[in-house]
Each structure stands twice: as C-alpha cells, then as structure tokens.
Amino acid sequence: LEPSIIPPKQVSDPEDKKPDEWDDRAQIEDPDAKKPDDWDESQPKEVEDTDVVKPEDWLEDEEPLVSDPEAQKPTDWDDE
C-alpha cells in the first residue's frame, strides 16, 4: 500500500547536515583527567583470575578458528 499503513521509524531529512565544528575523532583526550594519587604503573593492566578452572572436556589442541572450505570472497572484495 502506498502510503504505508505503518509509517517508517526514521524519515530522511534532505536539509540535515553535519555542523562545521563537528569533531570526528573516535576518542577525545580529556585535558583535565588525571590518575589517582595511588596509581601504580608497575602493576599489570589485567588481573588474572586465580580461581578459574578449565572445564574437564576442554579441547586444548583445537584450532581457535575453523575455516569454511566453501566460503567465497564477495565480488567487490578488496585485498589491499
């Protein structure tokens, strides 16, 4: 049916544009950020869980990824 009985959730706005002062950086450093006074750089970034136990049926020697022999690259694939 035209027009649709159920309206679209989003409607395009042809007049919409990104502001000139828009910042496209993925991450923005906070110039006022500082680490706590008791921060210790010598400590590891991650803490190992000493209580963790591998399941009995854990497949230790299995490959982490299994390739699909029938997989094909898309026609527009760019190897570069």
Protein backbone atom coordinates (compact mmCIF):
# COMPACT_ATOMS: atom_id res chain seq x y z
CA LEU A 1 0.00 0.00 0.00
CA GLU A 2 1.18 3.49 -0.77
CA PRO A 3 1.42 5.29 1.54
CA SER A 4 2.23 2.59 4.05
CA ILE A 5 -0.17 1.91 6.90
CA ILE A 6 2.79 1.71 9.28
CA PRO A 7 4.99 4.80 8.95
CA PRO A 8 8.79 4.32 8.86
CA LYS A 9 10.66 4.63 12.16
CA GLN A 10 13.08 7.12 10.61
CA VAL A 11 12.45 9.70 7.95
CA SER A 12 15.27 11.16 5.86
CA ASP A 13 15.80 14.90 6.15
CA PRO A 14 17.33 16.28 2.94
CA GLU A 15 18.21 19.52 4.76
CA ASP A 16 20.15 17.71 7.50
CA LYS A 17 23.93 18.22 7.55
CA LYS A 18 26.81 17.82 9.97
CA PRO A 19 27.79 21.07 11.73
CA ASP A 20 31.09 22.63 10.60
CA GLU A 21 32.51 22.41 14.13
CA TRP A 22 31.70 18.67 14.44
CA ASP A 23 34.56 16.62 15.92
CA ASP A 24 35.05 13.29 14.07
CA ARG A 25 37.74 11.86 16.37
CA ALA A 26 36.90 8.38 17.71
CA GLN A 27 38.31 9.26 21.13
CA ILE A 28 38.92 12.67 22.63
CA GLU A 29 41.51 13.08 25.37
CA ASP A 30 40.30 14.86 28.48
CA PRO A 31 42.91 17.53 29.28
CA ASP A 32 41.68 17.69 32.89
CA ALA A 33 41.83 13.92 33.50
CA LYS A 34 44.44 12.64 35.94
CA LYS A 35 45.20 9.30 37.52
CA PRO A 36 44.57 8.78 41.25
CA ASP A 37 47.45 9.63 43.60
CA ASP A 38 47.94 5.95 44.48
CA TRP A 39 48.11 4.79 40.81
CA ASP A 40 50.88 2.23 40.31
CA GLU A 41 52.16 1.89 36.71
CA SER A 42 54.19 -1.21 37.65
CA GLN A 43 51.02 -3.27 38.14
CA PRO A 44 49.65 -5.41 35.27
CA LYS A 45 46.82 -3.94 33.19
CA GLU A 46 44.75 -7.09 33.71
CA VAL A 47 44.37 -9.21 36.82
CA GLU A 48 44.48 -12.98 36.36
CA ASP A 49 41.58 -14.89 37.90
CA THR A 50 43.30 -17.40 40.19
CA ASP A 51 40.02 -19.22 40.90
CA VAL A 52 39.24 -20.07 37.29
CA VAL A 53 39.09 -23.77 36.35
CA LYS A 54 39.03 -25.17 32.79
CA PRO A 55 36.11 -27.50 32.05
CA GLU A 56 37.02 -31.20 32.01
CA ASP A 57 36.04 -31.54 28.34
CA TRP A 58 38.06 -28.50 27.21
CA LEU A 59 39.61 -29.17 23.79
CA GLU A 60 43.14 -27.93 24.43
CA ASP A 61 44.60 -28.69 20.98
CA GLU A 62 41.71 -27.41 18.83
CA GLU A 63 42.28 -24.58 16.37
CA PRO A 64 40.74 -21.32 17.60
CA LEU A 65 39.15 -20.67 14.18
CA VAL A 66 37.83 -23.20 11.71
CA SER A 67 37.82 -22.01 8.10
CA ASP A 68 34.86 -22.66 5.82
CA PRO A 69 36.14 -24.52 2.72
CA GLU A 70 33.07 -23.39 0.75
CA ALA A 71 33.43 -19.71 1.61
CA GLN A 72 33.89 -17.30 -1.30
CA LYS A 73 35.03 -13.70 -1.28
CA PRO A 74 32.36 -11.18 -2.30
CA THR A 75 32.75 -9.83 -5.85
CA ASP A 76 33.59 -6.35 -4.54
CA TRP A 77 36.26 -7.64 -2.09
CA ASP A 78 39.46 -5.56 -2.00
CA ASP A 79 42.59 -7.44 -0.85
CA GLU A 80 44.63 -4.25 -0.46
